[in-house]
Every structure is written in structure tokens, then in C-alpha cells.
Amino acid sequence: MTTLKTPGNDSLKRLEDLRTTFERLRAERIRTEGEVERLVRELDQARTQARDEFGTDDEAELQRLIEAAARENTKRVADFDAILRDVENRLRQLGSEI
């Protein structure tokens, strides 16, 4: 027996396909909205923490602070290296004097 193709049958099939797509997209929207809410809370917490620890939550200012800290760290490492070399040289001098 041959199934007749009628516009109504095609529309019902298409409607079912669209319903599946709609349900998938609706679930994805709900998941995405939850993710956005979570990320907004995390961002607010990070901003609060930055203000508490660094006095600002401005990204440019934080970047400037990071760069300044990196420069200071590099200087301190170089200073420590110089101190160690000086101590080492003094120990050699004391060893040669004995």
C-alpha cells in the first residue's frame, strides 16, 4: 500500500522536527543563562577581591601594578645575585689570607 504524501503529513513531520530543535535550543538557552549568571558572580567576586587587595579593579591599573611588581622582582633578584657574589668573593679573600 502506498502512503499518500499530503501537505498535512509533511507539515506534521516538519513540526515535530522543529519541536525537537526548539527543545534543544531552549535547554541550551537555560544552560547558557545559568552559566552567564555564574560568570557574572565570579567576575563580581574577582573585582571585589582586586579592590580589597590592590585598591582597584581597573584592568589597566592592575596591569600596571603587575608590570611594576615584575620590574621590582627582577631588580631584587639582580641585587641578591650581586650580594651573593660579594659574599663569595669575601670568602675567597678570607681563605687566601689564612
Protein backbone atom coordinates (compact mmCIF):
# COMPACT_ATOMS: atom_id res chain seq x y z
CA MET A 1 0.00 0.00 0.00
CA THR A 2 1.33 3.42 -0.93
CA THR A 3 1.30 6.24 1.61
CA LEU A 4 -0.07 9.37 0.14
CA LYS A 5 2.02 12.47 0.65
CA THR A 6 -0.21 15.22 1.72
CA PRO A 7 0.75 18.72 2.73
CA GLY A 8 -0.61 17.99 6.21
CA ASN A 9 1.67 14.96 6.71
CA ASP A 10 4.74 16.94 5.60
CA SER A 11 3.79 19.78 7.90
CA LEU A 12 3.38 17.44 10.89
CA LYS A 13 6.77 15.84 10.26
CA ARG A 14 8.40 19.24 9.87
CA LEU A 15 6.65 20.48 13.01
CA GLU A 16 7.99 17.52 15.02
CA ASP A 17 11.49 18.19 13.71
CA LEU A 18 11.14 21.86 14.63
CA ARG A 19 9.83 20.95 18.10
CA THR A 20 12.95 18.85 18.72
CA THR A 21 15.17 21.72 17.61
CA PHE A 22 13.17 24.16 19.73
CA GLU A 23 13.51 21.98 22.85
CA ARG A 24 17.25 21.60 22.30
CA LEU A 25 17.71 25.34 21.85
CA ARG A 26 15.55 26.10 24.89
CA ALA A 27 17.62 23.77 27.06
CA GLU A 28 20.81 25.35 25.69
CA ARG A 29 19.46 28.84 26.44
CA ILE A 30 18.64 27.85 30.03
CA ARG A 31 22.11 26.33 30.48
CA THR A 32 23.76 29.39 28.95
CA GLU A 33 21.78 31.78 31.14
CA GLY A 34 22.90 29.82 34.20
CA GLU A 35 26.49 29.95 33.01
CA VAL A 36 26.27 33.72 32.43
CA GLU A 37 24.87 34.21 35.95
CA ARG A 38 27.70 32.12 37.42
CA LEU A 39 30.34 34.02 35.45
CA VAL A 40 28.88 37.41 36.48
CA ARG A 41 29.06 36.34 40.14
CA GLU A 42 32.67 35.18 39.69
CA LEU A 43 33.59 38.46 37.99
CA ASP A 44 31.99 40.47 40.80
CA GLN A 45 33.90 38.42 43.36
CA ALA A 46 37.17 38.90 41.46
CA ARG A 47 36.58 42.65 41.26
CA THR A 48 35.86 42.83 44.98
CA GLN A 49 38.98 40.82 45.74
CA ALA A 50 41.09 43.05 43.47
CA ARG A 51 39.77 46.19 45.17
CA ASP A 52 40.46 44.68 48.61
CA GLU A 53 43.98 43.51 47.75
CA PHE A 54 45.18 46.14 45.27
CA GLY A 55 42.89 49.11 45.82
CA THR A 56 41.46 48.96 42.30
CA ASP A 57 39.60 46.70 39.90
CA ASP A 58 40.62 48.68 36.81
CA GLU A 59 42.29 46.28 34.37
CA ALA A 60 44.80 48.83 33.06
CA GLU A 61 45.82 49.81 36.58
CA LEU A 62 46.13 46.16 37.61
CA GLN A 63 48.31 45.52 34.55
CA ARG A 64 50.49 48.48 35.52
CA LEU A 65 50.81 47.09 39.05
CA ILE A 66 51.77 43.66 37.72
CA GLU A 67 54.41 45.15 35.43
CA ALA A 68 55.81 47.26 38.27
CA ALA A 69 55.96 44.20 40.55
CA ALA A 70 57.74 42.22 37.82
CA ARG A 71 60.32 45.00 37.40
CA GLU A 72 60.82 45.15 41.17
CA ASN A 73 61.20 41.38 41.32
CA THR A 74 63.83 41.46 38.55
CA LYS A 75 65.73 44.20 40.41
CA ARG A 76 65.63 42.28 43.69
CA VAL A 77 66.90 39.10 42.05
CA ALA A 78 69.78 41.07 40.50
CA ASP A 79 70.55 42.69 43.87
CA PHE A 80 70.52 39.32 45.62
CA ASP A 81 72.81 37.88 42.94
CA ALA A 82 75.24 40.78 43.49
CA ILE A 83 75.17 40.25 47.27
CA LEU A 84 75.87 36.53 46.88
CA ARG A 85 78.78 37.22 44.52
CA ASP A 86 80.17 39.76 47.02
CA VAL A 87 79.91 37.25 49.88
CA GLU A 88 81.55 34.61 47.73
CA ASN A 89 84.42 36.97 46.85
CA ARG A 90 84.93 37.92 50.51
CA LEU A 91 85.05 34.26 51.50
CA ARG A 92 87.69 33.62 48.84
CA GLN A 93 89.70 36.57 50.15
CA LEU A 94 89.47 35.25 53.71
CA GLY A 95 90.54 31.81 52.51
CA SER A 96 93.58 33.21 50.75
CA GLU A 97 94.55 35.28 53.81
CA ILE A 98 94.67 32.25 56.09
